[in-house]
Amino acid sequence: MSFLHDLAATIESRKSADPDSSWTAKLLAKGPEKAAEKFGEEAVEAIIEAVKGDRARLTSEAADVLYHLLVMLAARNVPLDDVLAELSRRQGTSGIAEKAARD
Protein backbone atom coordinates (compact mmCIF):
# COMPACT_ATOMS: atom_id res chain seq x y z
CA MET A 1 0.00 0.00 0.00
CA SER A 2 2.94 2.36 0.35
CA PHE A 3 2.89 3.00 -3.39
CA LEU A 4 -0.75 4.13 -3.19
CA HIS A 5 0.14 6.33 -0.23
CA ASP A 6 3.03 7.82 -2.23
CA LEU A 7 0.73 8.44 -5.18
CA ALA A 8 -1.91 10.01 -2.93
CA ALA A 9 0.76 12.29 -1.43
CA THR A 10 1.94 13.32 -4.89
CA ILE A 11 -1.63 14.09 -5.93
CA GLU A 12 -2.13 16.11 -2.74
CA SER A 13 1.01 18.12 -3.49
CA ARG A 14 -0.31 18.94 -6.95
CA LYS A 15 -3.19 20.92 -5.43
CA SER A 16 -0.85 23.89 -5.18
CA ALA A 17 0.98 23.28 -8.46
CA ASP A 18 0.58 25.32 -11.63
CA PRO A 19 -2.14 23.67 -13.76
CA ASP A 20 0.02 24.24 -16.83
CA SER A 21 2.78 22.11 -15.32
CA SER A 22 0.82 19.00 -14.29
CA TRP A 23 -2.15 16.98 -15.54
CA THR A 24 -3.12 16.32 -11.93
CA ALA A 25 -2.98 20.02 -11.05
CA LYS A 26 -5.04 20.83 -14.15
CA LEU A 27 -7.67 18.24 -13.24
CA LEU A 28 -7.83 19.42 -9.62
CA ALA A 29 -8.12 23.05 -10.74
CA LYS A 30 -11.26 22.14 -12.69
CA GLY A 31 -12.95 21.11 -9.44
CA PRO A 32 -14.35 17.99 -7.80
CA GLU A 33 -17.12 17.58 -10.35
CA LYS A 34 -14.61 17.26 -13.20
CA ALA A 35 -12.49 14.86 -11.14
CA ALA A 36 -15.60 12.73 -10.53
CA GLU A 37 -16.53 12.84 -14.22
CA LYS A 38 -13.05 11.70 -15.23
CA PHE A 39 -13.14 8.88 -12.65
CA GLY A 40 -16.46 7.74 -14.13
CA GLU A 41 -15.06 7.75 -17.66
CA GLU A 42 -12.10 5.66 -16.58
CA ALA A 43 -14.33 3.22 -14.69
CA VAL A 44 -16.46 2.69 -17.81
CA GLU A 45 -13.32 2.08 -19.87
CA ALA A 46 -12.19 -0.53 -17.34
CA ILE A 47 -15.60 -2.22 -17.50
CA ILE A 48 -15.40 -2.38 -21.29
CA GLU A 49 -11.98 -4.03 -21.15
CA ALA A 50 -13.17 -6.48 -18.49
CA VAL A 51 -16.06 -7.51 -20.72
CA LYS A 52 -13.76 -7.85 -23.73
CA GLY A 53 -11.35 -9.98 -21.71
CA ASP A 54 -8.25 -8.03 -22.76
CA ARG A 55 -6.02 -8.52 -19.72
CA ALA A 56 -3.36 -5.98 -20.71
CA ARG A 57 -5.89 -3.26 -21.49
CA LEU A 58 -7.85 -4.02 -18.30
CA THR A 59 -4.63 -3.71 -16.29
CA SER A 60 -3.92 -0.32 -17.87
CA GLU A 61 -7.47 0.93 -17.36
CA ALA A 62 -7.51 -0.34 -13.76
CA ALA A 63 -4.39 1.75 -13.08
CA ASP A 64 -6.20 4.76 -14.56
CA VAL A 65 -9.20 4.04 -12.31
CA LEU A 66 -7.04 3.92 -9.17
CA TYR A 67 -5.24 7.14 -10.10
CA HIS A 68 -8.46 9.00 -10.90
CA LEU A 69 -10.10 7.67 -7.72
CA LEU A 70 -7.26 9.19 -5.72
CA VAL A 71 -7.63 12.49 -7.60
CA MET A 72 -11.38 12.50 -6.92
CA LEU A 73 -10.79 11.82 -3.22
CA ALA A 74 -8.19 14.60 -3.05
CA ALA A 75 -10.58 17.00 -4.76
CA ARG A 76 -13.04 16.39 -1.91
CA ASN A 77 -10.36 16.27 0.82
CA VAL A 78 -10.97 12.62 1.64
CA PRO A 79 -7.68 11.01 2.72
CA LEU A 80 -6.78 7.57 1.39
CA ASP A 81 -6.34 6.44 5.00
CA ASP A 82 -10.02 7.16 5.66
CA VAL A 83 -11.00 4.84 2.81
CA LEU A 84 -8.57 2.19 4.01
CA ALA A 85 -9.95 2.49 7.55
CA GLU A 86 -13.46 1.93 6.21
CA LEU A 87 -12.29 -1.17 4.34
CA SER A 88 -10.58 -2.40 7.50
CA ARG A 89 -13.75 -1.82 9.50
CA ARG A 90 -15.67 -3.97 7.02
CA GLN A 91 -13.11 -6.78 6.96
CA GLY A 92 -14.49 -10.03 8.24
CA THR A 93 -18.07 -8.90 7.72
CA SER A 94 -20.17 -10.64 5.12
CA GLY A 95 -20.89 -8.32 2.21
CA ILE A 96 -24.52 -9.41 2.39
CA ALA A 97 -24.71 -8.58 6.11
CA GLU A 98 -22.90 -5.26 5.64
CA LYS A 99 -25.28 -4.20 2.86
CA ALA A 100 -28.32 -5.25 4.91
CA ALA A 101 -27.08 -3.12 7.82
CA ARG A 102 -27.06 -0.06 5.53
CA ASP A 103 -30.70 -0.53 4.46
PDB file of N, CA and C in Angstrom:
ATOM      1  N   MET A   1       0.807  -1.199   0.000  1.00  0.00           N
ATOM      2  CA  MET A   1       0.000   0.000   0.000  1.00  0.00           C
ATOM      3  C   MET A   1       0.851   1.265   0.000  1.00  0.00           C
ATOM      4  N   SER A   2       2.132   1.149   0.284  1.00  0.00           N
ATOM      5  CA  SER A   2       2.944   2.360   0.352  1.00  0.00           C
ATOM      6  C   SER A   2       2.982   3.085  -0.983  1.00  0.00           C
ATOM      7  N   PHE A   3       2.916   2.333  -2.087  1.00  0.00           N
ATOM      8  CA  PHE A   3       2.893   3.004  -3.385  1.00  0.00           C
ATOM      9  C   PHE A   3       1.637   3.857  -3.534  1.00  0.00           C
ATOM     10  N   LEU A   4       0.492   3.325  -3.116  1.00  0.00           N
ATOM     11  CA  LEU A   4      -0.747   4.127  -3.189  1.00  0.00           C
ATOM     12  C   LEU A   4      -0.658   5.342  -2.278  1.00  0.00           C
ATOM     13  N   HIS A   5      -0.058   5.185  -1.118  1.00  0.00           N
ATOM     14  CA  HIS A   5       0.143   6.333  -0.228  1.00  0.00           C
ATOM     15  C   HIS A   5       1.058   7.373  -0.884  1.00  0.00           C
ATOM     16  N   ASP A   6       2.119   6.895  -1.529  1.00  0.00           N
ATOM     17  CA  ASP A   6       3.025   7.819  -2.225  1.00  0.00           C
ATOM     18  C   ASP A   6       2.292   8.551  -3.343  1.00  0.00           C
ATOM     19  N   LEU A   7       1.497   7.817  -4.096  1.00  0.00           N
ATOM     20  CA  LEU A   7       0.731   8.438  -5.182  1.00  0.00           C
ATOM     21  C   LEU A   7      -0.263   9.442  -4.627  1.00  0.00           C
ATOM     22  N   ALA A   8      -0.956   9.084  -3.558  1.00  0.00           N
ATOM     23  CA  ALA A   8      -1.914  10.011  -2.934  1.00  0.00           C
ATOM     24  C   ALA A   8      -1.206  11.279  -2.450  1.00  0.00           C
ATOM     25  N   ALA A   9      -0.011  11.131  -1.893  1.00  0.00           N
ATOM     26  CA  ALA A   9       0.760  12.291  -1.427  1.00  0.00           C
ATOM     27  C   ALA A   9       1.182  13.167  -2.602  1.00  0.00           C
ATOM     28  N   THR A  10       1.577  12.554  -3.697  1.00  0.00           N
ATOM     29  CA  THR A  10       1.945  13.321  -4.887  1.00  0.00           C
ATOM     30  C   THR A  10       0.743  14.091  -5.415  1.00  0.00           C
ATOM     31  N   ILE A  11      -0.404  13.429  -5.467  1.00  0.00           N
ATOM     32  CA  ILE A  11      -1.634  14.088  -5.926  1.00  0.00           C
ATOM     33  C   ILE A  11      -1.963  15.261  -5.009  1.00  0.00           C
ATOM     34  N   GLU A  12      -1.858  15.041  -3.712  1.00  0.00           N
ATOM     35  CA  GLU A  12      -2.134  16.109  -2.741  1.00  0.00           C
ATOM     36  C   GLU A  12      -1.209  17.303  -2.984  1.00  0.00           C
ATOM     37  N   SER A  13       0.050  17.029  -3.261  1.00  0.00           N
ATOM     38  CA  SER A  13       1.010  18.119  -3.487  1.00  0.00           C
ATOM     39  C   SER A  13       0.712  18.896  -4.759  1.00  0.00           C
ATOM     40  N   ARG A  14       0.020  18.274  -5.692  1.00  0.00           N
ATOM     41  CA  ARG A  14      -0.312  18.940  -6.954  1.00  0.00           C
ATOM     42  C   ARG A  14      -1.444  19.958  -6.798  1.00  0.00           C
ATOM     43  N   LYS A  15      -2.125  19.935  -5.649  1.00  0.00           N
ATOM     44  CA  LYS A  15      -3.194  20.917  -5.427  1.00  0.00           C
ATOM     45  C   LYS A  15      -2.674  22.344  -5.532  1.00  0.00           C
ATOM     46  N   SER A  16      -1.420  22.545  -5.149  1.00  0.00           N
ATOM     47  CA  SER A  16      -0.854  23.894  -5.177  1.00  0.00           C
ATOM     48  C   SER A  16       0.054  24.121  -6.387  1.00  0.00           C
ATOM     49  N   ALA A  17       0.113  23.162  -7.286  1.00  0.00           N
ATOM     50  CA  ALA A  17       0.978  23.284  -8.463  1.00  0.00           C
ATOM     51  C   ALA A  17       0.284  24.083  -9.568  1.00  0.00           C
ATOM     52  N   ASP A  18       1.076  24.590 -10.466  1.00  0.00           N
ATOM     53  CA  ASP A  18       0.580  25.316 -11.628  1.00  0.00           C
ATOM     54  C   ASP A  18      -0.140  24.332 -12.549  1.00  0.00           C
ATOM     55  N   PRO A  19      -1.403  24.587 -12.879  1.00  0.00           N
ATOM     56  CA  PRO A  19      -2.142  23.669 -13.760  1.00  0.00           C
ATOM     57  C   PRO A  19      -1.494  23.471 -15.130  1.00  0.00           C
ATOM     58  N   ASP A  20      -0.668  24.408 -15.555  1.00  0.00           N
ATOM     59  CA  ASP A  20       0.024  24.239 -16.835  1.00  0.00           C
ATOM     60  C   ASP A  20       1.221  23.304 -16.732  1.00  0.00           C
ATOM     61  N   SER A  21       1.592  22.937 -15.502  1.00  0.00           N
ATOM     62  CA  SER A  21       2.776  22.105 -15.318  1.00  0.00           C
ATOM     63  C   SER A  21       2.449  20.649 -15.006  1.00  0.00           C
ATOM     64  N   SER A  22       1.168  20.340 -14.768  1.00  0.00           N
ATOM     65  CA  SER A  22       0.819  19.002 -14.286  1.00  0.00           C
ATOM     66  C   SER A  22      -0.616  18.655 -14.668  1.00  0.00           C
ATOM     67  N   TRP A  23      -0.801  17.461 -15.223  1.00  0.00           N
ATOM     68  CA  TRP A  23      -2.150  16.981 -15.543  1.00  0.00           C
ATOM     69  C   TRP A  23      -2.985  16.903 -14.266  1.00  0.00           C
ATOM     70  N   THR A  24      -2.397  16.427 -13.198  1.00  0.00           N
ATOM     71  CA  THR A  24      -3.115  16.318 -11.930  1.00  0.00           C
ATOM     72  C   THR A  24      -3.547  17.687 -11.444  1.00  0.00           C
ATOM     73  N   ALA A  25      -2.648  18.652 -11.476  1.00  0.00           N
ATOM     74  CA  ALA A  25      -2.980  20.019 -11.050  1.00  0.00           C
ATOM     75  C   ALA A  25      -4.084  20.592 -11.924  1.00  0.00           C
ATOM     76  N   LYS A  26      -4.006  20.333 -13.225  1.00  0.00           N
ATOM     77  CA  LYS A  26      -5.036  20.827 -14.154  1.00  0.00           C
ATOM     78  C   LYS A  26      -6.398  20.220 -13.826  1.00  0.00           C
ATOM     79  N   LEU A  27      -6.414  18.927 -13.568  1.00  0.00           N
ATOM     80  CA  LEU A  27      -7.668  18.239 -13.235  1.00  0.00           C
ATOM     81  C   LEU A  27      -8.236  18.750 -11.907  1.00  0.00           C
ATOM     82  N   LEU A  28      -7.379  18.913 -10.914  1.00  0.00           N
ATOM     83  CA  LEU A  28      -7.832  19.418  -9.616  1.00  0.00           C
ATOM     84  C   LEU A  28      -8.334  20.860  -9.724  1.00  0.00           C
ATOM     85  N   ALA A  29      -7.706  21.648 -10.564  1.00  0.00           N
ATOM     86  CA  ALA A  29      -8.121  23.048 -10.739  1.00  0.00           C
ATOM     87  C   ALA A  29      -9.517  23.157 -11.346  1.00  0.00           C
ATOM     88  N   LYS A  30      -9.927  22.129 -12.061  1.00  0.00           N
ATOM     89  CA  LYS A  30     -11.262  22.140 -12.686  1.00  0.00           C
ATOM     90  C   LYS A  30     -12.362  21.783 -11.696  1.00  0.00           C
ATOM     91  N   GLY A  31     -11.978  21.356 -10.501  1.00  0.00           N
ATOM     92  CA  GLY A  31     -12.946  21.105  -9.443  1.00  0.00           C
ATOM     93  C   GLY A  31     -13.328  19.653  -9.264  1.00  0.00           C
ATOM     94  N   PRO A  32     -13.995  19.379  -8.139  1.00  0.00           N
ATOM     95  CA  PRO A  32     -14.350  17.994  -7.799  1.00  0.00           C
ATOM     96  C   PRO A  32     -15.309  17.348  -8.790  1.00  0.00           C
ATOM     97  N   GLU A  33     -16.170  18.148  -9.391  1.00  0.00           N
ATOM     98  CA  GLU A  33     -17.123  17.578 -10.347  1.00  0.00           C
ATOM     99  C   GLU A  33     -16.390  17.007 -11.560  1.00  0.00           C
ATOM    100  N   LYS A  34     -15.391  17.733 -12.052  1.00  0.00           N
ATOM    101  CA  LYS A  34     -14.610  17.256 -13.198  1.00  0.00           C
ATOM    102  C   LYS A  34     -13.796  16.028 -12.811  1.00  0.00           C
ATOM    103  N   ALA A  35     -13.244  16.028 -11.609  1.00  0.00           N
ATOM    104  CA  ALA A  35     -12.494  14.857 -11.142  1.00  0.00           C
ATOM    105  C   ALA A  35     -13.414  13.634 -11.073  1.00  0.00           C
ATOM    106  N   ALA A  36     -14.634  13.829 -10.606  1.00  0.00           N
ATOM    107  CA  ALA A  36     -15.598  12.726 -10.533  1.00  0.00           C
ATOM    108  C   ALA A  36     -15.990  12.256 -11.932  1.00  0.00           C
ATOM    109  N   GLU A  37     -16.182  13.193 -12.830  1.00  0.00           N
ATOM    110  CA  GLU A  37     -16.526  12.838 -14.215  1.00  0.00           C
ATOM    111  C   GLU A  37     -15.415  11.995 -14.846  1.00  0.00           C
ATOM    112  N   LYS A  38     -14.174  12.421 -14.651  1.00  0.00           N
ATOM    113  CA  LYS A  38     -13.049  11.697 -15.230  1.00  0.00           C
ATOM    114  C   LYS A  38     -12.925  10.307 -14.615  1.00  0.00           C
ATOM    115  N   PHE A  39     -13.150  10.194 -13.300  1.00  0.00           N
ATOM    116  CA  PHE A  39     -13.143   8.885 -12.647  1.00  0.00           C
ATOM    117  C   PHE A  39     -14.195   7.981 -13.288  1.00  0.00           C
ATOM    118  N   GLY A  40     -15.388   8.519 -13.506  1.00  0.00           N
ATOM    119  CA  GLY A  40     -16.458   7.740 -14.131  1.00  0.00           C
ATOM    120  C   GLY A  40     -16.091   7.261 -15.521  1.00  0.00           C
ATOM    121  N   GLU A  41     -15.490   8.130 -16.304  1.00  0.00           N
ATOM    122  CA  GLU A  41     -15.061   7.748 -17.656  1.00  0.00           C
ATOM    123  C   GLU A  41     -14.065   6.591 -17.599  1.00  0.00           C
ATOM    124  N   GLU A  42     -13.111   6.702 -16.699  1.00  0.00           N
ATOM    125  CA  GLU A  42     -12.095   5.656 -16.580  1.00  0.00           C
ATOM    126  C   GLU A  42     -12.705   4.340 -16.087  1.00  0.00           C
ATOM    127  N   ALA A  43     -13.669   4.428 -15.183  1.00  0.00           N
ATOM    128  CA  ALA A  43     -14.330   3.222 -14.690  1.00  0.00           C
ATOM    129  C   ALA A  43     -15.070   2.509 -15.822  1.00  0.00           C
ATOM    130  N   VAL A  44     -15.747   3.285 -16.667  1.00  0.00           N
ATOM    131  CA  VAL A  44     -16.456   2.693 -17.808  1.00  0.00           C
ATOM    132  C   VAL A  44     -15.461   2.026 -18.757  1.00  0.00           C
ATOM    133  N   GLU A  45     -14.336   2.683 -19.004  1.00  0.00           N
ATOM    134  CA  GLU A  45     -13.323   2.082 -19.874  1.00  0.00           C
ATOM    135  C   GLU A  45     -12.803   0.767 -19.289  1.00  0.00           C
ATOM    136  N   ALA A  46     -12.634   0.704 -17.981  1.00  0.00           N
ATOM    137  CA  ALA A  46     -12.190  -0.534 -17.339  1.00  0.00           C
ATOM    138  C   ALA A  46     -13.252  -1.623 -17.484  1.00  0.00           C
ATOM    139  N   ILE A  47     -14.503  -1.248 -17.334  1.00  0.00           N
ATOM    140  CA  ILE A  47     -15.598  -2.216 -17.499  1.00  0.00           C
ATOM    141  C   ILE A  47     -15.592  -2.788 -18.905  1.00  0.00           C
ATOM    142  N   ILE A  48     -15.420  -1.933 -19.887  1.00  0.00           N
ATOM    143  CA  ILE A  48     -15.400  -2.385 -21.286  1.00  0.00           C
ATOM    144  C   ILE A  48     -14.281  -3.396 -21.501  1.00  0.00           C
ATOM    145  N   GLU A  49     -13.104  -3.101 -20.973  1.00  0.00           N
ATOM    146  CA  GLU A  49     -11.977  -4.026 -21.149  1.00  0.00           C
ATOM    147  C   GLU A  49     -12.198  -5.323 -20.380  1.00  0.00           C
ATOM    148  N   ALA A  50     -12.860  -5.255 -19.240  1.00  0.00           N
ATOM    149  CA  ALA A  50     -13.174  -6.480 -18.491  1.00  0.00           C
ATOM    150  C   ALA A  50     -14.121  -7.370 -19.281  1.00  0.00           C
ATOM    151  N   VAL A  51     -15.104  -6.749 -19.914  1.00  0.00           N
ATOM    152  CA  VAL A  51     -16.063  -7.513 -20.718  1.00  0.00           C
ATOM    153  C   VAL A  51     -15.375  -8.118 -21.943  1.00  0.00           C
ATOM    154  N   LYS A  52     -14.488  -7.353 -22.554  1.00  0.00           N
ATOM    155  CA  LYS A  52     -13.760  -7.850 -23.732  1.00  0.00           C
ATOM    156  C   LYS A  52     -12.807  -8.976 -23.373  1.00  0.00           C
ATOM    157  N   GLY A  53     -12.294  -8.954 -22.139  1.00  0.00           N
ATOM    158  CA  GLY A  53     -11.352  -9.983 -21.712  1.00  0.00           C
ATOM    159  C   GLY A  53      -9.913  -9.677 -22.085  1.00  0.00           C
ATOM    160  N   ASP A  54      -9.623  -8.418 -22.404  1.00  0.00           N
ATOM    161  CA  ASP A  54      -8.254  -8.029 -22.756  1.00  0.00           C
ATOM    162  C   ASP A  54      -7.491  -7.704 -21.472  1.00  0.00           C
ATOM    163  N   ARG A  55      -6.712  -8.647 -21.005  1.00  0.00           N
ATOM    164  CA  ARG A  55      -6.023  -8.524 -19.722  1.00  0.00           C
ATOM    165  C   ARG A  55      -5.088  -7.314 -19.660  1.00  0.00           C
ATOM    166  N   ALA A  56      -4.309  -7.101 -20.700  1.00  0.00           N
ATOM    167  CA  ALA A  56      -3.358  -5.983 -20.706  1.00  0.00           C
ATOM    168  C   ALA A  56      -4.090  -4.642 -20.673  1.00  0.00           C
ATOM    169  N   ARG A  57      -5.134  -4.516 -21.468  1.00  0.00           N
ATOM    170  CA  ARG A  57      -5.895  -3.264 -21.491  1.00  0.00           C
ATOM    171  C   ARG A  57      -6.638  -3.066 -20.172  1.00  0.00           C
ATOM    172  N   LEU A  58      -7.173  -4.139 -19.593  1.00  0.00           N
ATOM    173  CA  LEU A  58      -7.845  -4.024 -18.300  1.00  0.00           C
ATOM    174  C   LEU A  58      -6.852  -3.581 -17.230  1.00  0.00           C
ATOM    175  N   THR A  59      -5.653  -4.115 -17.250  1.00  0.00           N
ATOM    176  CA  THR A  59      -4.627  -3.706 -16.293  1.00  0.00           C
ATOM    177  C   THR A  59      -4.345  -2.216 -16.415  1.00  0.00           C
ATOM    178  N   SER A  60      -4.189  -1.745 -17.626  1.00  0.00           N
ATOM    179  CA  SER A  60      -3.923  -0.325 -17.872  1.00  0.00           C
ATOM    180  C   SER A  60      -5.090   0.550 -17.414  1.00  0.00           C
ATOM    181  N   GLU A  61      -6.286   0.146 -17.757  1.00  0.00           N
ATOM    182  CA  GLU A  61      -7.474   0.928 -17.363  1.00  0.00           C
ATOM    183  C   GLU A  61      -7.679   0.884 -15.852  1.00  0.00           C
ATOM    184  N   ALA A  62      -7.378  -0.251 -15.218  1.00  0.00           N
ATOM    185  CA  ALA A  62      -7.509  -0.339 -13.762  1.00  0.00           C
ATOM    186  C   ALA A  62      -6.542   0.628 -13.077  1.00  0.00           C
ATOM    187  N   ALA A  63      -5.339   0.769 -13.626  1.00  0.00           N
ATOM    188  CA  ALA A  63      -4.385   1.747 -13.083  1.00  0.00           C
ATOM    189  C   ALA A  63      -4.952   3.159 -13.222  1.00  0.00           C
ATOM    190  N   ASP A  64      -5.570   3.448 -14.369  1.00  0.00           N
ATOM    191  CA  ASP A  64      -6.200   4.762 -14.558  1.00  0.00           C
ATOM    192  C   ASP A  64      -7.319   4.986 -13.547  1.00  0.00           C
ATOM    193  N   VAL A  65      -8.098   3.939 -13.279  1.00  0.00           N
ATOM    194  CA  VAL A  65      -9.200   4.044 -12.310  1.00  0.00           C
ATOM    195  C   VAL A  65      -8.647   4.370 -10.922  1.00  0.00           C
ATOM    196  N   LEU A  66      -7.610   3.659 -10.495  1.00  0.00           N
ATOM    197  CA  LEU A  66      -7.036   3.916  -9.170  1.00  0.00           C
ATOM    198  C   LEU A  66      -6.498   5.343  -9.075  1.00  0.00           C
ATOM    199  N   TYR A  67      -5.775   5.777 -10.094  1.00  0.00           N
ATOM    200  CA  TYR A  67      -5.236   7.145 -10.102  1.00  0.00           C
ATOM    201  C   TYR A  67      -6.365   8.169 -10.030  1.00  0.00           C
ATOM    202  N   HIS A  68      -7.377   8.020 -10.870  1.00  0.00           N
ATOM    203  CA  HIS A  68      -8.457   9.003 -10.896  1.00  0.00           C
ATOM    204  C   HIS A  68      -9.327   8.938  -9.641  1.00  0.00           C
ATOM    205  N   LEU A  69      -9.423   7.763  -9.005  1.00  0.00           N
ATOM    206  CA  LEU A  69     -10.104   7.669  -7.722  1.00  0.00           C
ATOM    207  C   LEU A  69      -9.361   8.517  -6.689  1.00  0.00           C
ATOM    208  N   LEU A  70      -8.042   8.404  -6.665  1.00  0.00           N
ATOM    209  CA  LEU A  70      -7.262   9.188  -5.716  1.00  0.00           C
ATOM    210  C   LEU A  70      -7.383  10.686  -5.995  1.00  0.00           C
ATOM    211  N   VAL A  71      -7.439  11.074  -7.262  1.00  0.00           N
ATOM    212  CA  VAL A  71      -7.634  12.489  -7.601  1.00  0.00           C
ATOM    213  C   VAL A  71      -9.008  12.957  -7.116  1.00  0.00           C
ATOM    214  N   MET A  72     -10.020  12.145  -7.352  1.00  0.00           N
ATOM    215  CA  MET A  72     -11.379  12.504  -6.917  1.00  0.00           C
ATOM    216  C   MET A  72     -11.436  12.640  -5.394  1.00  0.00           C
ATOM    217  N   LEU A  73     -10.814  11.729  -4.682  1.00  0.00           N
ATOM    218  CA  LEU A  73     -10.787  11.817  -3.220  1.00  0.00           C
ATOM    219  C   LEU A  73     -10.070  13.090  -2.773  1.00  0.00           C
ATOM    220  N   ALA A  74      -8.943  13.395  -3.403  1.00  0.00           N
ATOM    221  CA  ALA A  74      -8.188  14.603  -3.052  1.00  0.00           C
ATOM    222  C   ALA A  74      -9.016  15.854  -3.334  1.00  0.00           C
ATOM    223  N   ALA A  75      -9.761  15.838  -4.406  1.00  0.00           N
ATOM    224  CA  ALA A  75     -10.583  17.000  -4.764  1.00  0.00           C
ATOM    225  C   ALA A  75     -11.645  17.272  -3.706  1.00  0.00           C
ATOM    226  N   ARG A  76     -12.044  16.251  -2.979  1.00  0.00           N
ATOM    227  CA  ARG A  76     -13.041  16.392  -1.906  1.00  0.00           C
ATOM    228  C   ARG A  76     -12.422  16.273  -0.521  1.00  0.00           C
ATOM    229  N   ASN A  77     -11.094  16.322  -0.457  1.00  0.00           N
ATOM    230  CA  ASN A  77     -10.362  16.272   0.825  1.00  0.00           C
ATOM    231  C   ASN A  77     -10.683  15.025   1.648  1.00  0.00           C
ATOM    232  N   VAL A  78     -10.767  13.903   0.966  1.00  0.00           N
ATOM    233  CA  VAL A  78     -10.970  12.617   1.639  1.00  0.00           C
ATOM    234  C   VAL A  78      -9.637  11.866   1.584  1.00  0.00           C
ATOM    235  N   PRO A  79      -8.972  11.697   2.725  1.00  0.00           N
ATOM    236  CA  PRO A  79      -7.677  11.006   2.720  1.00  0.00           C
ATOM    237  C   PRO A  79      -7.817   9.517   2.396  1.00  0.00           C
ATOM    238  N   LEU A  80      -6.821   8.997   1.696  1.00  0.00           N
ATOM    239  CA  LEU A  80      -6.783   7.567   1.390  1.00  0.00           C
ATOM    240  C   LEU A  80      -6.904   6.750   2.668  1.00  0.00           C
ATOM    241  N   ASP A  81      -6.277   7.190   3.743  1.00  0.00           N
ATOM    242  CA  ASP A  81      -6.342   6.436   5.004  1.00  0.00           C
ATOM    243  C   ASP A  81      -7.769   6.312   5.528  1.00  0.00           C
ATOM    244  N   ASP A  82      -8.623   7.283   5.249  1.00  0.00           N
ATOM    245  CA  ASP A  82     -10.025   7.165   5.662  1.00  0.00           C
ATOM    246  C   ASP A  82     -10.716   6.028   4.906  1.00  0.00           C
ATOM    247  N   VAL A  83     -10.410   5.915   3.623  1.00  0.00           N
ATOM    248  CA  VAL A  83     -10.997   4.841   2.814  1.00  0.00           C
ATOM    249  C   VAL A  83     -10.457   3.489   3.282  1.00  0.00           C
ATOM    250  N   LEU A  84      -9.165   3.442   3.536  1.00  0.00           N
ATOM    251  CA  LEU A  84      -8.572   2.186   4.015  1.00  0.00           C
ATOM    252  C   LEU A  84      -9.116   1.792   5.391  1.00  0.00           C
ATOM    253  N   ALA A  85      -9.359   2.783   6.238  1.00  0.00           N
ATOM    254  CA  ALA A  85      -9.948   2.492   7.555  1.00  0.00           C
ATOM    255  C   ALA A  85     -11.355   1.926   7.407  1.00  0.00           C
ATOM    256  N   GLU A  86     -12.102   2.447   6.452  1.00  0.00           N
ATOM    257  CA  GLU A  86     -13.459   1.926   6.213  1.00  0.00           C
ATOM    258  C   GLU A  86     -13.389   0.488   5.708  1.00  0.00           C
ATOM    259  N   LEU A  87     -12.461   0.213   4.806  1.00  0.00           N
ATOM    260  CA  LEU A  87     -12.292  -1.167   4.337  1.00  0.00           C
ATOM    261  C   LEU A  87     -11.890  -2.086   5.490  1.00  0.00           C
ATOM    262  N   SER A  88     -11.009  -1.617   6.342  1.00  0.00           N
ATOM    263  CA  SER A  88     -10.581  -2.400   7.499  1.00  0.00           C
ATOM    264  C   SER A  88     -11.754  -2.674   8.434  1.00  0.00           C
ATOM    265  N   ARG A  89     -12.582  -1.660   8.640  1.00  0.00           N
ATOM    266  CA  ARG A  89     -13.752  -1.820   9.501  1.00  0.00           C
ATOM    267  C   ARG A  89     -14.674  -2.913   8.966  1.00  0.00           C
ATOM    268  N   ARG A  90     -14.771  -2.988   7.649  1.00  0.00           N
ATOM    269  CA  ARG A  90     -15.669  -3.969   7.018  1.00  0.00           C
ATOM    270  C   ARG A  90     -15.074  -5.363   6.934  1.00  0.00           C
ATOM    271  N   GLN A  91     -13.767  -5.482   7.112  1.00  0.00           N
ATOM    272  CA  GLN A  91     -13.105  -6.781   6.965  1.00  0.00           C
ATOM    273  C   GLN A  91     -13.693  -7.791   7.937  1.00  0.00           C
ATOM    274  N   GLY A  92     -13.950  -8.956   7.414  1.00  0.00           N
ATOM    275  CA  GLY A  92     -14.490 -10.028   8.236  1.00  0.00           C
ATOM    276  C   GLY A  92     -16.002 -10.005   8.345  1.00  0.00           C
ATOM    277  N   THR A  93     -16.612  -8.992   7.722  1.00  0.00           N
ATOM    278  CA  THR A  93     -18.072  -8.903   7.721  1.00  0.00           C
ATOM    279  C   THR A  93     -18.581  -9.361   6.366  1.00  0.00           C
ATOM    280  N   SER A  94     -19.571 -10.194   6.363  1.00  0.00           N
ATOM    281  CA  SER A  94     -20.169 -10.636   5.125  1.00  0.00           C
ATOM    282  C   SER A  94     -20.670  -9.426   4.343  1.00  0.00           C
ATOM    283  N   GLY A  95     -20.391  -9.402   3.057  1.00  0.00           N
ATOM    284  CA  GLY A  95     -20.886  -8.322   2.213  1.00  0.00           C
ATOM    285  C   GLY A  95     -22.408  -8.251   2.239  1.00  0.00           C
ATOM    286  N   ILE A  96     -23.050  -9.378   2.331  1.00  0.00           N
ATOM    287  CA  ILE A  96     -24.516  -9.414   2.393  1.00  0.00           C
ATOM    288  C   ILE A  96     -24.984  -8.793   3.710  1.00  0.00           C
ATOM    289  N   ALA A  97     -24.336  -9.149   4.810  1.00  0.00           N
ATOM    290  CA  ALA A  97     -24.713  -8.585   6.113  1.00  0.00           C
ATOM    291  C   ALA A  97     -24.414  -7.087   6.174  1.00  0.00           C
ATOM    292  N   GLU A  98     -23.273  -6.675   5.611  1.00  0.00           N
ATOM    293  CA  GLU A  98     -22.901  -5.257   5.636  1.00  0.00           C
ATOM    294  C   GLU A  98     -23.901  -4.439   4.845  1.00  0.00           C
ATOM    295  N   LYS A  99     -24.306  -4.931   3.678  1.00  0.00           N
ATOM    296  CA  LYS A  99     -25.279  -4.204   2.858  1.00  0.00           C
ATOM    297  C   LYS A  99     -26.637  -4.149   3.566  1.00  0.00           C
ATOM    298  N   ALA A 100     -27.041  -5.224   4.191  1.00  0.00           N
ATOM    299  CA  ALA A 100     -28.320  -5.247   4.914  1.00  0.00           C
ATOM    300  C   ALA A 100     -28.331  -4.241   6.069  1.00  0.00           C
ATOM    301  N   ALA A 101     -27.177  -4.066   6.704  1.00  0.00           N
ATOM    302  CA  ALA A 101     -27.084  -3.118   7.820  1.00  0.00           C
ATOM    303  C   ALA A 101     -27.239  -1.683   7.350  1.00  0.00           C
ATOM    304  N   ARG A 102     -26.920  -1.410   6.072  1.00  0.00           N
ATOM    305  CA  ARG A 102     -27.065  -0.058   5.531  1.00  0.00           C
ATOM    306  C   ARG A 102     -28.504   0.264   5.166  1.00  0.00           C
ATOM    307  N   ASP A 103     -29.306  -0.763   4.906  1.00  0.00           N
ATOM    308  CA  ASP A 103     -30.699  -0.531   4.458  1.00  0.00           C
ATOM    309  C   ASP A 103     -31.655  -0.236   5.581  1.00  0.00           C
TER     310      ASP A 103
END
